[in-house]
Amino acid sequence: MAVPTTRLMVLAVVRLLQPVHGYDVRRELLSWHADDWANVKPGSVYGALNTLQRDGLISVEEVGQDGARPERTTYRLTAEGEKEFGEMLREALFAADQLKHPYFASVALFPHAPKADVLAALRSRILKFESDLVFLDREQERILAGSGNPSEAEPFHVADAMRLQADHVRADLEWSKRTVRRIESGELDVWGLAGPPPIK
């Protein structure tokens, strides 16, 4: 069973920055772009903090208010949270599950769409992937140019997570380019096979 990513990442940031406010956990994960490469949605962070507290993995250090600002809760990892984090991290590190990408279904259904639509969609993906790679490469450079100290900037290991994401994007980009070439050359022609005509 896959490790719940949001739970693992929120525990990790509490452990890294404790004592820490929920707002700072959310901000830290956003600065890491974890919403992109780890699918940690910003809105899920507070719910995760509540669940972790309920489960005894984090505890409230203090609840305070600074002037007219809203009340803020500060969290710290418990001994049980430290143990759970270690177990979840080990399980995640040794996981070798292959991605179940929703686009795989689209590829299997190419014959049911007009060839022109498939080519247009592939070309659109190529442009998107090329743009994503420019952003990811620049972000890696920016992170590695910082101090790496998590109290000042994004830690260097975030650049490695982004590099893995970029490698997946590169693989998708190369597959998309190769598939366009194969369709244009006639090597991949699934539209002349028997079966229902493509949708209009």
C-alpha atoms as a PDB file:
ATOM      1  CA  MET A   1       0.000   0.000   0.000  1.00  0.00           C
ATOM      2  CA  ALA A   2       1.359   3.448  -0.953  1.00  0.00           C
ATOM      3  CA  VAL A   3       2.384   5.832   1.812  1.00  0.00           C
ATOM      4  CA  PRO A   4      -0.040   8.786   2.139  1.00  0.00           C
ATOM      5  CA  THR A   5       2.123  11.553   0.686  1.00  0.00           C
ATOM      6  CA  THR A   6       0.468  14.537   2.380  1.00  0.00           C
ATOM      7  CA  ARG A   7       0.711  12.887   5.794  1.00  0.00           C
ATOM      8  CA  LEU A   8       4.396  12.064   5.234  1.00  0.00           C
ATOM      9  CA  MET A   9       5.316  15.520   3.925  1.00  0.00           C
ATOM     10  CA  VAL A  10       3.480  17.414   6.678  1.00  0.00           C
ATOM     11  CA  LEU A  11       5.135  15.247   9.333  1.00  0.00           C
ATOM     12  CA  ALA A  12       8.504  15.889   7.687  1.00  0.00           C
ATOM     13  CA  VAL A  13       8.092  19.676   7.721  1.00  0.00           C
ATOM     14  CA  VAL A  14       6.876  19.715  11.336  1.00  0.00           C
ATOM     15  CA  ARG A  15       9.925  17.623  12.234  1.00  0.00           C
ATOM     16  CA  LEU A  16      12.245  19.915  10.272  1.00  0.00           C
ATOM     17  CA  LEU A  17      10.977  23.279  11.543  1.00  0.00           C
ATOM     18  CA  GLN A  18       9.440  22.474  14.949  1.00  0.00           C
ATOM     19  CA  PRO A  19       7.964  24.234  16.772  1.00  0.00           C
ATOM     20  CA  VAL A  20       6.070  25.440  13.710  1.00  0.00           C
ATOM     21  CA  HIS A  21       2.764  27.115  12.850  1.00  0.00           C
ATOM     22  CA  GLY A  22       0.406  25.437  10.394  1.00  0.00           C
ATOM     23  CA  TYR A  23       0.703  28.445   8.093  1.00  0.00           C
ATOM     24  CA  ASP A  24       4.480  27.973   7.956  1.00  0.00           C
ATOM     25  CA  VAL A  25       4.090  24.246   7.176  1.00  0.00           C
ATOM     26  CA  ARG A  26       1.840  25.169   4.245  1.00  0.00           C
ATOM     27  CA  ARG A  27       4.161  27.960   3.065  1.00  0.00           C
ATOM     28  CA  GLU A  28       7.214  25.691   3.275  1.00  0.00           C
ATOM     29  CA  LEU A  29       5.586  22.957   1.190  1.00  0.00           C
ATOM     30  CA  LEU A  30       4.483  25.538  -1.386  1.00  0.00           C
ATOM     31  CA  SER A  31       8.037  26.908  -1.585  1.00  0.00           C
ATOM     32  CA  TRP A  32       9.182  23.343  -2.303  1.00  0.00           C
ATOM     33  CA  HIS A  33       6.553  23.070  -5.103  1.00  0.00           C
ATOM     34  CA  ALA A  34       5.327  19.911  -3.365  1.00  0.00           C
ATOM     35  CA  ASP A  35       1.900  20.543  -4.869  1.00  0.00           C
ATOM     36  CA  ASP A  36       3.476  19.706  -8.252  1.00  0.00           C
ATOM     37  CA  TRP A  37       5.867  16.817  -7.642  1.00  0.00           C
ATOM     38  CA  ALA A  38       4.284  15.264  -4.539  1.00  0.00           C
ATOM     39  CA  ASN A  39       0.640  16.178  -5.254  1.00  0.00           C
ATOM     40  CA  VAL A  40       0.324  17.798  -1.800  1.00  0.00           C
ATOM     41  CA  LYS A  41      -2.588  20.204  -2.153  1.00  0.00           C
ATOM     42  CA  PRO A  42      -2.152  23.408  -0.090  1.00  0.00           C
ATOM     43  CA  GLY A  43      -5.715  23.142   1.216  1.00  0.00           C
ATOM     44  CA  SER A  44      -5.046  19.662   2.618  1.00  0.00           C
ATOM     45  CA  VAL A  45      -2.265  20.760   4.992  1.00  0.00           C
ATOM     46  CA  TYR A  46      -4.520  21.997   7.814  1.00  0.00           C
ATOM     47  CA  GLY A  47      -6.668  18.873   7.610  1.00  0.00           C
ATOM     48  CA  ALA A  48      -3.503  16.757   7.797  1.00  0.00           C
ATOM     49  CA  LEU A  49      -2.316  18.696  10.866  1.00  0.00           C
ATOM     50  CA  ASN A  50      -5.662  18.069  12.590  1.00  0.00           C
ATOM     51  CA  THR A  51      -5.517  14.362  11.757  1.00  0.00           C
ATOM     52  CA  LEU A  52      -1.899  14.051  12.904  1.00  0.00           C
ATOM     53  CA  GLN A  53      -2.775  15.754  16.184  1.00  0.00           C
ATOM     54  CA  ARG A  54      -5.813  13.501  16.653  1.00  0.00           C
ATOM     55  CA  ASP A  55      -3.616  10.461  16.013  1.00  0.00           C
ATOM     56  CA  GLY A  56      -1.071  11.623  18.609  1.00  0.00           C
ATOM     57  CA  LEU A  57       1.737  12.110  16.074  1.00  0.00           C
ATOM     58  CA  ILE A  58       2.064  15.853  16.682  1.00  0.00           C
ATOM     59  CA  SER A  59       1.159  17.920  19.715  1.00  0.00           C
ATOM     60  CA  VAL A  60       0.258  21.546  20.266  1.00  0.00           C
ATOM     61  CA  GLU A  61       3.227  23.467  21.615  1.00  0.00           C
ATOM     62  CA  GLU A  62       1.254  26.652  22.181  1.00  0.00           C
ATOM     63  CA  VAL A  63      -1.688  28.692  20.951  1.00  0.00           C
ATOM     64  CA  GLY A  64      -0.987  32.385  20.749  1.00  0.00           C
ATOM     65  CA  GLN A  65      -2.114  35.625  19.200  1.00  0.00           C
ATOM     66  CA  ASP A  66       0.062  38.455  17.974  1.00  0.00           C
ATOM     67  CA  GLY A  67      -1.865  41.746  18.132  1.00  0.00           C
ATOM     68  CA  ALA A  68      -4.980  41.721  15.959  1.00  0.00           C
ATOM     69  CA  ARG A  69      -3.776  38.735  13.926  1.00  0.00           C
ATOM     70  CA  PRO A  70      -5.770  35.480  14.135  1.00  0.00           C
ATOM     71  CA  GLU A  71      -4.836  32.939  16.790  1.00  0.00           C
ATOM     72  CA  ARG A  72      -2.029  30.630  15.646  1.00  0.00           C
ATOM     73  CA  THR A  73      -1.229  27.123  16.827  1.00  0.00           C
ATOM     74  CA  THR A  74       2.346  25.881  17.021  1.00  0.00           C
ATOM     75  CA  TYR A  75       3.040  22.145  16.593  1.00  0.00           C
ATOM     76  CA  ARG A  76       5.812  19.766  17.586  1.00  0.00           C
ATOM     77  CA  LEU A  77       6.410  16.090  16.699  1.00  0.00           C
ATOM     78  CA  THR A  78       5.671  13.563  19.456  1.00  0.00           C
ATOM     79  CA  ALA A  79       7.761  10.462  20.137  1.00  0.00           C
ATOM     80  CA  GLU A  80       5.057   8.423  18.406  1.00  0.00           C
ATOM     81  CA  GLY A  81       5.182  10.866  15.474  1.00  0.00           C
ATOM     82  CA  GLU A  82       8.952  10.412  15.192  1.00  0.00           C
ATOM     83  CA  LYS A  83       8.472   6.633  15.077  1.00  0.00           C
ATOM     84  CA  GLU A  84       5.638   6.854  12.521  1.00  0.00           C
ATOM     85  CA  PHE A  85       7.650   9.254  10.357  1.00  0.00           C
ATOM     86  CA  GLY A  86      10.616   6.854  10.310  1.00  0.00           C
ATOM     87  CA  GLU A  87       8.421   3.899   9.330  1.00  0.00           C
ATOM     88  CA  MET A  88       6.587   5.831   6.617  1.00  0.00           C
ATOM     89  CA  LEU A  89       9.813   7.226   5.200  1.00  0.00           C
ATOM     90  CA  ARG A  90      11.438   3.779   5.012  1.00  0.00           C
ATOM     91  CA  GLU A  91       8.374   2.365   3.280  1.00  0.00           C
ATOM     92  CA  ALA A  92       8.324   5.268   0.795  1.00  0.00           C
ATOM     93  CA  LEU A  93      12.078   5.005   0.088  1.00  0.00           C
ATOM     94  CA  PHE A  94      11.854   1.319  -0.792  1.00  0.00           C
ATOM     95  CA  ALA A  95       8.690   1.688  -2.892  1.00  0.00           C
ATOM     96  CA  ALA A  96       9.163   0.903  -6.578  1.00  0.00           C
ATOM     97  CA  ASP A  97       5.566   1.158  -7.754  1.00  0.00           C
ATOM     98  CA  GLN A  98       5.138   2.198 -11.369  1.00  0.00           C
ATOM     99  CA  LEU A  99       3.066   5.289 -12.082  1.00  0.00           C
ATOM    100  CA  LYS A 100      -0.539   4.719 -13.097  1.00  0.00           C
ATOM    101  CA  HIS A 101      -0.822   7.715 -15.385  1.00  0.00           C
ATOM    102  CA  PRO A 102      -4.334   8.656 -16.581  1.00  0.00           C
ATOM    103  CA  TYR A 103      -2.912   9.462 -20.033  1.00  0.00           C
ATOM    104  CA  PHE A 104      -2.175   5.770 -20.599  1.00  0.00           C
ATOM    105  CA  ALA A 105      -5.896   5.198 -21.184  1.00  0.00           C
ATOM    106  CA  SER A 106      -5.961   7.991 -23.799  1.00  0.00           C
ATOM    107  CA  VAL A 107      -3.097   6.351 -25.684  1.00  0.00           C
ATOM    108  CA  ALA A 108      -4.920   3.025 -25.744  1.00  0.00           C
ATOM    109  CA  LEU A 109      -7.921   4.826 -27.239  1.00  0.00           C
ATOM    110  CA  PHE A 110      -6.106   6.696 -30.049  1.00  0.00           C
ATOM    111  CA  PRO A 111      -8.081   4.825 -32.774  1.00  0.00           C
ATOM    112  CA  HIS A 112     -11.346   6.225 -31.411  1.00  0.00           C
ATOM    113  CA  ALA A 113     -10.325   9.866 -32.019  1.00  0.00           C
ATOM    114  CA  PRO A 114      -9.596  11.525 -35.359  1.00  0.00           C
ATOM    115  CA  LYS A 115      -5.920  11.362 -36.281  1.00  0.00           C
ATOM    116  CA  ALA A 116      -5.807  15.187 -36.583  1.00  0.00           C
ATOM    117  CA  ASP A 117      -7.052  15.540 -32.982  1.00  0.00           C
ATOM    118  CA  VAL A 118      -4.473  13.065 -31.686  1.00  0.00           C
ATOM    119  CA  LEU A 119      -1.668  14.925 -33.465  1.00  0.00           C
ATOM    120  CA  ALA A 120      -2.904  18.322 -32.244  1.00  0.00           C
ATOM    121  CA  ALA A 121      -3.128  17.029 -28.666  1.00  0.00           C
ATOM    122  CA  LEU A 122       0.364  15.535 -28.827  1.00  0.00           C
ATOM    123  CA  ARG A 123       1.817  18.795 -30.179  1.00  0.00           C
ATOM    124  CA  SER A 124       0.082  20.678 -27.379  1.00  0.00           C
ATOM    125  CA  ARG A 125       1.602  18.317 -24.805  1.00  0.00           C
ATOM    126  CA  ILE A 126       5.043  18.856 -26.339  1.00  0.00           C
ATOM    127  CA  LEU A 127       4.758  22.638 -25.918  1.00  0.00           C
ATOM    128  CA  LYS A 128       3.552  22.236 -22.327  1.00  0.00           C
ATOM    129  CA  PHE A 129       6.371  19.820 -21.437  1.00  0.00           C
ATOM    130  CA  GLU A 130       8.999  22.108 -22.987  1.00  0.00           C
ATOM    131  CA  SER A 131       7.668  25.013 -20.936  1.00  0.00           C
ATOM    132  CA  ASP A 132       7.562  22.901 -17.755  1.00  0.00           C
ATOM    133  CA  LEU A 133      11.187  21.875 -18.246  1.00  0.00           C
ATOM    134  CA  VAL A 134      12.363  25.477 -18.508  1.00  0.00           C
ATOM    135  CA  PHE A 135      10.622  26.244 -15.215  1.00  0.00           C
ATOM    136  CA  LEU A 136      11.873  23.106 -13.441  1.00  0.00           C
ATOM    137  CA  ASP A 137      15.470  23.583 -14.574  1.00  0.00           C
ATOM    138  CA  ARG A 138      15.457  27.231 -13.448  1.00  0.00           C
ATOM    139  CA  GLU A 139      13.924  26.327 -10.087  1.00  0.00           C
ATOM    140  CA  GLN A 140      16.591  23.685  -9.475  1.00  0.00           C
ATOM    141  CA  GLU A 141      19.314  26.237 -10.216  1.00  0.00           C
ATOM    142  CA  ARG A 142      17.672  28.788  -7.904  1.00  0.00           C
ATOM    143  CA  ILE A 143      17.383  26.323  -5.027  1.00  0.00           C
ATOM    144  CA  LEU A 144      20.964  25.112  -5.417  1.00  0.00           C
ATOM    145  CA  ALA A 145      22.198  28.726  -5.439  1.00  0.00           C
ATOM    146  CA  GLY A 146      20.688  29.247  -1.952  1.00  0.00           C
ATOM    147  CA  SER A 147      22.062  28.223   1.407  1.00  0.00           C
ATOM    148  CA  GLY A 148      20.228  24.890   1.638  1.00  0.00           C
ATOM    149  CA  ASN A 149      19.418  25.744   5.255  1.00  0.00           C
ATOM    150  CA  PRO A 150      15.674  25.020   5.707  1.00  0.00           C
ATOM    151  CA  SER A 151      15.281  27.932   8.135  1.00  0.00           C
ATOM    152  CA  GLU A 152      16.433  30.345   5.393  1.00  0.00           C
ATOM    153  CA  ALA A 153      15.609  28.798   2.019  1.00  0.00           C
ATOM    154  CA  GLU A 154      14.455  25.603   0.352  1.00  0.00           C
ATOM    155  CA  PRO A 155      16.698  22.675   1.313  1.00  0.00           C
ATOM    156  CA  PHE A 156      18.944  21.301  -1.449  1.00  0.00           C
ATOM    157  CA  HIS A 157      17.109  17.950  -1.451  1.00  0.00           C
ATOM    158  CA  VAL A 158      14.031  19.714  -2.875  1.00  0.00           C
ATOM    159  CA  ALA A 159      16.052  20.282  -6.060  1.00  0.00           C
ATOM    160  CA  ASP A 160      16.572  16.515  -6.291  1.00  0.00           C
ATOM    161  CA  ALA A 161      12.815  15.912  -6.066  1.00  0.00           C
ATOM    162  CA  MET A 162      12.315  18.478  -8.826  1.00  0.00           C
ATOM    163  CA  ARG A 163      15.051  16.829 -10.905  1.00  0.00           C
ATOM    164  CA  LEU A 164      13.172  13.514 -10.677  1.00  0.00           C
ATOM    165  CA  GLN A 165       9.994  15.296 -11.773  1.00  0.00           C
ATOM    166  CA  ALA A 166      11.911  16.905 -14.666  1.00  0.00           C
ATOM    167  CA  ASP A 167      13.257  13.512 -15.744  1.00  0.00           C
ATOM    168  CA  HIS A 168       9.702  12.167 -15.922  1.00  0.00           C
ATOM    169  CA  VAL A 169       8.642  15.224 -17.955  1.00  0.00           C
ATOM    170  CA  ARG A 170      11.609  14.659 -20.320  1.00  0.00           C
ATOM    171  CA  ALA A 171      10.563  11.040 -20.820  1.00  0.00           C
ATOM    172  CA  ASP A 172       6.982  12.149 -21.592  1.00  0.00           C
ATOM    173  CA  LEU A 173       8.308  14.807 -23.958  1.00  0.00           C
ATOM    174  CA  GLU A 174      10.489  12.338 -25.865  1.00  0.00           C
ATOM    175  CA  TRP A 175       7.663   9.792 -26.092  1.00  0.00           C
ATOM    176  CA  SER A 176       5.290  12.488 -27.409  1.00  0.00           C
ATOM    177  CA  LYS A 177       7.781  13.669 -30.056  1.00  0.00           C
ATOM    178  CA  ARG A 178       8.533  10.117 -31.138  1.00  0.00           C
ATOM    179  CA  THR A 179       4.815   9.298 -31.369  1.00  0.00           C
ATOM    180  CA  VAL A 180       4.136  12.364 -33.530  1.00  0.00           C
ATOM    181  CA  ARG A 181       6.954  11.270 -35.887  1.00  0.00           C
ATOM    182  CA  ARG A 182       5.585   7.710 -36.021  1.00  0.00           C
ATOM    183  CA  ILE A 183       2.066   8.909 -36.860  1.00  0.00           C
ATOM    184  CA  GLU A 184       3.284  11.407 -39.475  1.00  0.00           C
ATOM    185  CA  SER A 185       5.492   8.779 -41.172  1.00  0.00           C
ATOM    186  CA  GLY A 186       2.683   6.220 -41.217  1.00  0.00           C
ATOM    187  CA  GLU A 187       4.579   3.816 -38.957  1.00  0.00           C
ATOM    188  CA  LEU A 188       1.810   4.188 -36.358  1.00  0.00           C
ATOM    189  CA  ASP A 189      -1.502   4.005 -38.190  1.00  0.00           C
ATOM    190  CA  VAL A 190      -4.326   2.659 -36.065  1.00  0.00           C
ATOM    191  CA  TRP A 191      -7.099   4.556 -37.835  1.00  0.00           C
ATOM    192  CA  GLY A 192      -7.551   2.192 -40.753  1.00  0.00           C
ATOM    193  CA  LEU A 193      -8.290  -0.850 -38.608  1.00  0.00           C
ATOM    194  CA  ALA A 194     -11.729  -2.441 -38.510  1.00  0.00           C
ATOM    195  CA  GLY A 195     -14.011  -1.143 -35.786  1.00  0.00           C
ATOM    196  CA  PRO A 196     -16.232   1.848 -35.092  1.00  0.00           C
ATOM    197  CA  PRO A 197     -15.229   5.093 -36.782  1.00  0.00           C
ATOM    198  CA  PRO A 198     -13.501   7.771 -34.691  1.00  0.00           C
ATOM    199  CA  ILE A 199     -15.713  10.266 -32.888  1.00  0.00           C
ATOM    200  CA  LYS A 200     -16.407  13.507 -34.777  1.00  0.00           C
END
